[in-house]
Amino acid sequence: MIQNLLPVMRELGLVTIFWDVNFSSGPLGSKTFYALLDPSYIRRIDKFLKELIWMSRTLRHDREGVSLQ
């Protein structure tokens, strides 16, 4: 499903990143928040946030440095 959405997102001008965080412990509720204490989730969240921040800084830098004309 995700692979089918990537071309659509690119056509809309959206940028995707490679890391994501999925909580498979059930519906949102107390189980999801307890999963945040699991070290494997902490590592995934850390990778996700680092890539998200890197991508946002990269896009901002390039947008400021390149004119549209």
Protein backbone atom coordinates (compact mmCIF):
# COMPACT_ATOMS: atom_id res chain seq x y z
CA MET A 1 0.00 0.00 0.00
CA ILE A 2 2.75 2.44 0.94
CA GLN A 3 4.65 1.72 -2.27
CA ASN A 4 1.56 2.69 -4.26
CA LEU A 5 1.21 5.98 -2.39
CA LEU A 6 4.79 7.18 -2.94
CA PRO A 7 4.30 8.33 -6.57
CA VAL A 8 1.10 10.12 -5.56
CA MET A 9 2.89 11.91 -2.74
CA ARG A 10 5.72 12.96 -5.06
CA GLU A 11 3.23 14.25 -7.62
CA LEU A 12 1.66 16.37 -4.89
CA GLY A 13 5.07 17.83 -4.07
CA LEU A 14 5.44 16.05 -0.75
CA VAL A 15 8.78 14.78 0.50
CA THR A 16 9.06 11.39 2.14
CA ILE A 17 11.65 10.11 4.58
CA PHE A 18 12.79 6.53 5.06
CA TRP A 19 12.32 6.01 8.80
CA ASP A 20 8.92 5.71 10.41
CA VAL A 21 7.55 4.64 13.76
CA ASN A 22 4.76 2.10 13.99
CA PHE A 23 3.13 1.12 17.25
CA SER A 24 1.74 -2.39 16.91
CA SER A 25 0.60 -2.77 20.51
CA GLY A 26 -3.05 -2.21 19.67
CA PRO A 27 -5.38 0.77 19.44
CA LEU A 28 -4.35 4.07 20.93
CA GLY A 29 -4.55 3.86 24.64
CA SER A 30 -2.47 2.88 27.61
CA LYS A 31 -0.68 0.04 25.76
CA THR A 32 0.70 2.48 23.18
CA PHE A 33 2.11 4.78 25.82
CA TYR A 34 3.70 1.89 27.72
CA ALA A 35 5.36 0.83 24.46
CA LEU A 36 7.28 4.11 24.53
CA LEU A 37 9.26 2.72 27.46
CA ASP A 38 10.55 -0.14 25.29
CA PRO A 39 14.17 0.57 24.23
CA SER A 40 13.51 -0.61 20.67
CA TYR A 41 10.82 2.06 20.26
CA ILE A 42 13.12 4.69 21.71
CA ARG A 43 15.78 3.84 19.08
CA ARG A 44 13.21 3.95 16.26
CA ILE A 45 11.80 7.27 17.46
CA ASP A 46 15.33 8.66 17.73
CA LYS A 47 16.17 7.63 14.13
CA PHE A 48 12.86 8.99 12.88
CA LEU A 49 13.27 12.37 14.57
CA LYS A 50 16.91 12.74 13.49
CA GLU A 51 16.01 12.09 9.86
CA LEU A 52 12.97 14.36 10.02
CA ILE A 53 15.05 17.22 11.46
CA TRP A 54 17.83 16.61 8.92
CA MET A 55 15.37 16.62 6.02
CA SER A 56 13.64 19.79 7.22
CA ARG A 57 16.98 21.60 7.60
CA THR A 58 18.14 20.41 4.18
CA LEU A 59 14.94 21.51 2.46
CA ARG A 60 14.98 24.88 4.23
CA HIS A 61 18.61 25.51 3.30
CA ASP A 62 18.03 24.62 -0.35
CA ARG A 63 14.83 26.65 -0.55
CA GLU A 64 16.57 29.75 0.80
CA GLY A 65 19.62 29.29 -1.44
CA VAL A 66 17.88 28.71 -4.77
CA SER A 67 15.57 31.21 -6.44
CA LEU A 68 12.64 30.13 -8.58
CA GLN A 69 13.60 32.40 -11.48
